[in-house]
Protein backbone atom coordinates (compact mmCIF):
# COMPACT_ATOMS: atom_id res chain seq x y z
CA MET A 1 -157.50 -215.38 -114.02
CA HIS A 2 -154.19 -213.72 -114.66
CA VAL A 3 -154.18 -210.12 -115.95
CA ASP A 4 -152.05 -208.93 -118.34
CA PRO A 5 -151.47 -205.22 -116.74
CA ARG A 6 -150.78 -203.79 -120.76
CA GLU A 7 -154.08 -204.19 -121.01
CA THR A 8 -155.49 -202.14 -118.57
CA ARG A 9 -153.31 -199.03 -118.67
CA PRO A 10 -155.20 -196.15 -116.71
CA SER A 11 -153.05 -193.47 -118.57
CA PRO A 12 -150.80 -192.61 -121.19
CA PHE A 13 -148.05 -192.18 -118.63
CA LEU A 14 -148.06 -196.02 -118.00
CA ALA A 15 -148.70 -196.97 -121.35
CA ASP A 16 -145.25 -194.99 -122.14
CA LEU A 17 -143.78 -197.20 -119.34
CA TRP A 18 -144.94 -200.44 -120.50
CA ALA A 19 -143.73 -199.66 -124.29
CA TYR A 20 -140.55 -198.20 -123.42
CA PRO A 21 -139.72 -199.41 -120.01
CA ASN A 22 -135.93 -198.67 -120.57
CA ALA A 23 -136.59 -195.02 -121.68
CA PHE A 24 -136.63 -194.08 -117.84
CA PRO A 25 -133.25 -194.17 -115.89
CA SER A 26 -133.50 -194.96 -112.37
CA LYS A 27 -132.02 -191.62 -110.38
CA HIS A 28 -132.84 -191.06 -106.89
CA LEU A 29 -136.10 -189.61 -106.76
CA THR A 30 -138.17 -186.39 -104.57
CA ILE A 31 -140.92 -188.67 -103.54
CA ALA A 32 -141.76 -186.81 -100.84
CA TYR A 33 -142.81 -183.97 -103.18
CA TYR A 34 -145.90 -186.50 -104.71
CA SER A 35 -146.38 -188.33 -101.74
CA GLN A 36 -149.62 -187.06 -100.72
CA GLN A 37 -150.92 -186.66 -104.49
CA HIS A 38 -149.77 -188.20 -107.91
CA PHE A 39 -147.63 -190.90 -105.84
CA LEU A 40 -150.34 -192.35 -103.35
CA SER A 41 -153.05 -192.12 -106.56
CA MET A 42 -150.70 -194.23 -108.47
CA GLU A 43 -150.20 -196.58 -106.03
CA ASP A 44 -153.49 -197.63 -106.07
CA LYS A 45 -153.74 -197.94 -109.35
CA ALA A 46 -150.72 -199.76 -109.46
CA CYS A 47 -152.47 -202.27 -107.37
CA LYS A 48 -155.30 -202.88 -109.88
CA THR A 49 -153.12 -203.03 -112.95
CA LEU A 50 -149.94 -205.27 -111.09
CA LEU A 51 -147.68 -202.04 -111.82
CA SER A 52 -144.34 -202.98 -110.46
CA ARG A 53 -143.19 -200.52 -107.32
CA GLU A 54 -139.80 -199.90 -109.46
CA ARG A 55 -142.07 -198.61 -112.08
CA LEU A 56 -144.08 -196.95 -110.37
CA ALA A 57 -141.31 -195.13 -108.89
CA LEU A 58 -140.19 -194.31 -112.45
CA GLN A 59 -143.36 -192.71 -113.01
CA VAL A 60 -143.48 -190.25 -109.98
CA GLN A 61 -140.05 -189.16 -111.34
CA THR A 62 -140.95 -188.41 -114.67
CA TRP A 63 -144.33 -186.70 -113.64
CA TRP A 64 -141.87 -184.59 -111.04
CA GLN A 65 -139.06 -184.01 -113.75
CA THR A 66 -142.20 -182.69 -115.97
CA ASP A 67 -143.62 -180.53 -113.28
CA GLN A 68 -140.47 -178.89 -112.62
CA GLN A 69 -139.65 -178.28 -116.53
CA ALA A 70 -143.59 -176.55 -116.58
CA THR A 71 -142.45 -174.62 -113.37
CA LEU A 72 -139.82 -172.44 -115.47
CA PHE A 73 -142.39 -171.38 -118.11
CA GLU A 74 -144.82 -169.76 -115.17
């Protein structure tokens, strides 16, 4: 049975990726920052939702950029 990943989105962040796959430009990522946190947990979710590694990497980039912006206001 084929599962449509768009029907099993675990978070609004992934929903954004599915809805706007071209909205997140491909850039160099600082994966190490999230390697022990979001990236690994998202990789696990990606297996369950058939999310591609490319889109997973873009999501990590989005989280990283958001975190950097939030740090400026602390």
